[in-house]
Amino acid sequence: MTDRLDGTVALVTGASSGIGEATAVALAAEGASVAIAARRGDRLQALADRIDGDVLVLETDVTDEEQARSMVAQTVARFSRLDTLVNNAGVMLLGSIVDAPVEEWRRMVDLNLLGLMYATHAALPHLLAAAEDDPRRVADVVNVSSVAGRFARSGSGVYNATKFAVAAFSESLRQEVTRRHVRVSVVEPGAVATELITHNRPEVVEGMLSTWGAVEVLQPEDIAESISFAVTRPRRTAVNEILVRPTEQER
């Protein structure tokens, strides 16, 4: 049994490509009005043109707290409510801790963790209000993490740290709001065919390709399907954690 999202509003960050793009399409297909946010406005507009439904384009850098708050405010101003927040924006910059470019650490902490926190904090009053209202009387925060949020690996230390922190933040928030019918879900993908790998230094990309080149990795739609599953459960059911890996991925 699923509960469609007709009459509800979803906000998806990192929606200009990959998992965010696929998730926006999936939630719109379930009946939600969708606000799509990312830094690349042209990509967002192209996505909006493909979605059959009410879409709001928000060119936003969620690492800027004021922009993150404005993103939420504009969504509520346009649609008068917010029922689902999908924190998908993120970056994966791998490499050893020894001699690492520390700026890469800042980028990951700012986007993977602080950006997620800013968006969540701004959205919570509206999500709590939606959970008290028809049509569904429940609201959702979905934080897209990673298998790296469960298992630490050499060469992934700071990325691991940000994703472990997402899991901790999510569980604490879940305990705080669950009796008010705001559900918190963490989705932890393994290897997915997205642009994440392209943000890395050439030597890191080469190592990743040697590791994953023979593996049939997931597609963004696979993760979007998991997110859609979590947020369309009946009000009584909270899916708090979903780990999705390619069949061939060992760890």
Protein backbone atom coordinates (compact mmCIF):
# COMPACT_ATOMS: atom_id res chain seq x y z
CA MET A 1 0.00 0.00 0.00
CA THR A 2 1.24 3.48 -0.81
CA ASP A 3 -0.09 6.93 0.00
CA ARG A 4 0.19 9.25 -2.98
CA LEU A 5 1.48 12.75 -2.45
CA ASP A 6 -1.39 14.66 -4.03
CA GLY A 7 -1.90 18.02 -2.34
CA THR A 8 1.57 18.04 -0.80
CA VAL A 9 4.79 19.94 -1.52
CA ALA A 10 8.33 18.55 -1.76
CA LEU A 11 11.61 20.45 -1.79
CA VAL A 12 14.64 18.67 -3.27
CA THR A 13 18.19 20.05 -3.00
CA GLY A 14 20.96 19.10 -5.39
CA ALA A 15 18.27 18.66 -8.04
CA SER A 16 20.27 19.72 -11.09
CA SER A 17 21.58 16.20 -11.74
CA GLY A 18 21.79 12.63 -10.53
CA ILE A 19 19.80 11.47 -7.52
CA GLY A 20 18.20 14.87 -6.90
CA GLU A 21 16.99 15.17 -10.46
CA ALA A 22 15.56 11.65 -10.46
CA THR A 23 13.92 12.21 -7.06
CA ALA A 24 12.17 15.38 -8.19
CA VAL A 25 10.72 13.48 -11.14
CA ALA A 26 9.63 10.59 -8.92
CA LEU A 27 7.92 12.76 -6.30
CA ALA A 28 6.12 14.78 -8.97
CA ALA A 29 4.89 11.50 -10.45
CA GLU A 30 3.40 10.69 -7.04
CA GLY A 31 1.39 13.93 -7.19
CA ALA A 32 3.54 16.36 -5.21
CA SER A 33 4.20 19.93 -6.25
CA VAL A 34 7.99 20.18 -6.35
CA ALA A 35 10.54 22.89 -5.57
CA ILE A 36 13.92 22.07 -7.08
CA ALA A 37 17.08 23.71 -5.76
CA ALA A 38 20.71 23.75 -6.86
CA ARG A 39 23.37 26.21 -8.01
CA ARG A 40 22.95 25.50 -11.74
CA GLY A 41 19.81 27.36 -12.74
CA ASP A 42 19.94 26.31 -16.39
CA ARG A 43 19.94 22.64 -15.45
CA LEU A 44 17.06 23.20 -13.05
CA GLN A 45 15.00 24.93 -15.73
CA ALA A 46 15.60 22.05 -18.13
CA LEU A 47 14.38 19.66 -15.44
CA ALA A 48 11.33 21.80 -14.71
CA ASP A 49 10.40 21.70 -18.39
CA ARG A 50 10.36 17.88 -18.22
CA ILE A 51 8.16 17.55 -15.14
CA ASP A 52 4.43 17.32 -15.63
CA GLY A 53 3.17 19.34 -12.69
CA ASP A 54 3.75 22.46 -10.61
CA VAL A 55 7.47 23.16 -10.26
CA LEU A 56 9.40 25.98 -8.61
CA VAL A 57 13.01 26.58 -9.70
CA LEU A 58 15.31 27.86 -6.95
CA GLU A 59 18.90 28.69 -7.86
CA THR A 60 20.46 28.19 -4.44
CA ASP A 61 23.75 27.50 -2.71
CA VAL A 62 22.69 25.76 0.50
CA THR A 63 26.12 26.33 2.07
CA ASP A 64 25.00 29.94 2.47
CA GLU A 65 22.61 29.93 5.43
CA GLU A 66 20.61 32.90 4.16
CA GLN A 67 20.16 31.30 0.75
CA ALA A 68 19.05 28.05 2.39
CA ARG A 69 16.47 29.91 4.47
CA SER A 70 15.30 31.87 1.43
CA MET A 71 14.91 28.61 -0.50
CA VAL A 72 12.48 27.31 2.10
CA ALA A 73 10.68 30.64 2.42
CA GLN A 74 10.19 30.90 -1.33
CA THR A 75 8.82 27.36 -1.45
CA VAL A 76 6.26 28.09 1.24
CA ALA A 77 5.37 31.46 -0.30
CA ARG A 78 4.65 29.76 -3.62
CA PHE A 79 2.84 26.64 -2.41
CA SER A 80 1.62 27.67 1.09
CA ARG A 81 3.10 24.58 2.75
CA LEU A 82 6.00 22.13 2.85
CA ASP A 83 5.52 18.41 3.46
CA THR A 84 8.74 16.76 2.30
CA LEU A 85 12.36 17.91 2.39
CA VAL A 86 14.96 15.86 0.54
CA ASN A 87 18.48 16.95 1.47
CA ASN A 88 20.41 15.54 -1.46
CA ALA A 89 23.03 18.21 -2.23
CA GLY A 90 26.50 16.87 -1.55
CA VAL A 91 30.05 16.42 -2.75
CA MET A 92 32.47 13.48 -2.45
CA LEU A 93 36.15 14.47 -2.48
CA LEU A 94 38.24 11.44 -1.71
CA GLY A 95 41.94 11.00 -0.97
CA SER A 96 44.33 10.43 1.89
CA ILE A 97 44.21 12.56 5.02
CA VAL A 98 47.99 12.94 4.98
CA ASP A 99 48.89 15.93 2.78
CA ALA A 100 45.24 16.49 1.83
CA PRO A 101 44.06 19.81 0.37
CA VAL A 102 42.19 21.07 3.43
CA GLU A 103 39.92 23.20 1.25
CA GLU A 104 38.32 19.93 0.09
CA TRP A 105 37.47 19.18 3.71
CA ARG A 106 35.77 22.54 4.10
CA ARG A 107 33.75 22.02 0.93
CA MET A 108 32.45 18.67 2.19
CA VAL A 109 31.65 19.89 5.69
CA ASP A 110 29.95 23.02 4.35
CA LEU A 111 27.78 21.18 1.82
CA ASN A 112 27.29 17.63 3.12
CA LEU A 113 26.68 18.67 6.70
CA LEU A 114 26.08 22.38 7.29
CA GLY A 115 23.99 22.88 4.14
CA LEU A 116 21.81 19.94 5.16
CA MET A 117 21.46 21.36 8.67
CA TYR A 118 20.60 24.87 7.45
CA ALA A 119 17.88 23.56 5.13
CA THR A 120 16.46 21.26 7.78
CA HIS A 121 16.37 23.96 10.45
CA ALA A 122 14.58 26.36 8.12
CA ALA A 123 12.09 23.72 6.99
CA LEU A 124 11.15 22.22 10.35
CA PRO A 125 8.45 24.73 11.41
CA HIS A 126 6.65 24.17 8.10
CA LEU A 127 7.06 20.40 8.23
CA LEU A 128 5.68 20.31 11.76
CA ALA A 129 2.69 22.37 10.62
CA ALA A 130 2.08 20.08 7.63
CA ALA A 131 2.14 17.04 9.92
CA GLU A 132 -0.87 18.48 11.73
CA ASP A 133 -2.80 19.13 8.53
CA ASP A 134 -4.56 17.29 5.73
CA PRO A 135 -4.16 15.60 3.34
CA ARG A 136 -1.65 13.20 4.95
CA ARG A 137 -1.04 14.49 8.49
CA VAL A 138 2.59 13.40 8.29
CA ALA A 139 5.75 15.06 6.95
CA ASP A 140 9.18 13.81 5.94
CA VAL A 141 12.84 14.76 6.07
CA VAL A 142 14.99 12.55 3.85
CA ASN A 143 18.74 12.93 4.22
CA VAL A 144 20.76 11.36 1.42
CA SER A 145 23.90 9.97 3.03
CA SER A 146 26.08 7.12 1.75
CA VAL A 147 27.36 3.69 2.57
CA ALA A 148 30.33 5.84 3.69
CA GLY A 149 28.14 6.88 6.62
CA ARG A 150 28.26 3.30 7.91
CA PHE A 151 31.71 2.01 7.03
CA ALA A 152 34.93 4.03 7.20
CA ARG A 153 37.56 3.33 4.55
CA SER A 154 41.13 4.43 3.97
CA GLY A 155 41.18 7.30 1.51
CA SER A 156 37.69 8.47 2.47
CA GLY A 157 38.20 9.83 5.98
CA VAL A 158 36.61 13.28 5.82
CA TYR A 159 33.84 12.18 3.47
CA ASN A 160 33.16 9.37 5.97
CA ALA A 161 33.15 11.92 8.79
CA THR A 162 30.51 14.09 7.11
CA LYS A 163 28.27 11.14 6.35
CA PHE A 164 28.62 9.63 9.83
CA ALA A 165 27.61 13.07 11.12
CA VAL A 166 24.53 13.09 8.88
CA ALA A 167 23.44 9.79 10.43
CA ALA A 168 23.94 11.13 13.97
CA PHE A 169 22.12 14.38 13.25
CA SER A 170 19.26 12.50 11.60
CA GLU A 171 18.78 10.07 14.48
CA SER A 172 18.80 12.83 17.07
CA LEU A 173 16.27 14.81 15.03
CA ARG A 174 14.13 11.71 14.58
CA GLN A 175 13.86 11.23 18.33
CA GLU A 176 12.95 14.89 18.75
CA VAL A 177 10.11 15.10 16.22
CA THR A 178 8.82 11.58 15.63
CA ARG A 179 5.91 11.88 18.10
CA ARG A 180 4.82 14.95 16.13
CA HIS A 181 4.64 12.83 12.97
CA VAL A 182 7.65 14.24 11.19
CA ARG A 183 9.53 11.20 9.93
CA VAL A 184 13.29 11.28 9.37
CA SER A 185 14.85 8.89 6.87
CA VAL A 186 18.50 8.36 5.99
CA VAL A 187 19.15 6.87 2.55
CA GLU A 188 22.61 5.38 2.11
CA PRO A 189 23.54 4.62 -1.50
CA GLY A 190 26.53 2.61 -2.55
CA ALA A 191 28.13 3.32 -5.91
CA VAL A 192 25.78 5.30 -8.17
CA ALA A 193 26.33 6.61 -11.71
CA THR A 194 26.32 10.35 -10.89
CA GLU A 195 28.65 13.33 -11.32
CA LEU A 196 30.20 12.91 -7.85
CA ILE A 197 33.32 11.22 -9.15
CA THR A 198 34.07 14.07 -11.57
CA HIS A 199 34.71 16.56 -8.75
CA ASN A 200 37.83 14.70 -7.63
CA ARG A 201 41.48 15.23 -8.49
CA PRO A 202 42.64 13.22 -11.55
CA GLU A 203 44.68 10.74 -9.52
CA VAL A 204 41.69 10.04 -7.29
CA VAL A 205 39.41 9.53 -10.27
CA GLU A 206 41.88 7.06 -11.73
CA GLY A 207 41.87 5.03 -8.52
CA MET A 208 38.08 5.06 -8.29
CA LEU A 209 37.73 3.87 -11.88
CA SER A 210 40.12 1.00 -11.22
CA THR A 211 38.02 0.00 -8.19
CA TRP A 212 34.55 0.40 -9.68
CA GLY A 213 35.11 0.04 -13.41
CA ALA A 214 33.96 -3.61 -13.53
CA VAL A 215 30.97 -3.15 -11.19
CA GLU A 216 27.46 -2.57 -12.50
CA VAL A 217 26.66 0.49 -10.40
CA LEU A 218 23.27 1.83 -9.42
CA GLN A 219 21.37 4.42 -11.45
CA PRO A 220 19.95 7.60 -9.87
CA GLU A 221 16.44 6.27 -10.43
CA ASP A 222 17.20 3.34 -8.11
CA ILE A 223 17.79 5.72 -5.22
CA ALA A 224 14.86 7.94 -6.19
CA GLU A 225 12.65 4.87 -6.00
CA SER A 226 13.85 4.20 -2.45
CA ILE A 227 13.17 7.80 -1.42
CA SER A 228 9.72 7.67 -2.99
CA PHE A 229 9.04 4.43 -1.11
CA ALA A 230 9.96 6.00 2.23
CA VAL A 231 7.79 9.10 1.87
CA THR A 232 4.72 7.31 0.51
CA ARG A 233 4.32 4.98 3.50
CA PRO A 234 1.14 5.27 5.56
CA ARG A 235 1.26 7.73 8.45
CA ARG A 236 1.86 4.92 10.94
CA THR A 237 5.03 3.72 9.18
CA ALA A 238 8.44 5.37 9.36
CA VAL A 239 11.29 4.03 7.23
CA ASN A 240 14.25 5.45 9.11
CA GLU A 241 17.17 3.96 7.21
CA ILE A 242 17.68 2.49 3.74
CA LEU A 243 21.02 1.06 2.59
CA VAL A 244 21.11 0.41 -1.17
CA ARG A 245 24.20 -1.05 -2.82
CA PRO A 246 24.92 -2.48 -6.25
CA THR A 247 24.56 -6.24 -6.18
CA GLU A 248 28.26 -6.58 -7.02
CA GLN A 249 29.50 -4.12 -4.37
CA GLU A 250 31.21 -5.97 -1.53
CA ARG A 251 31.51 -3.13 1.01
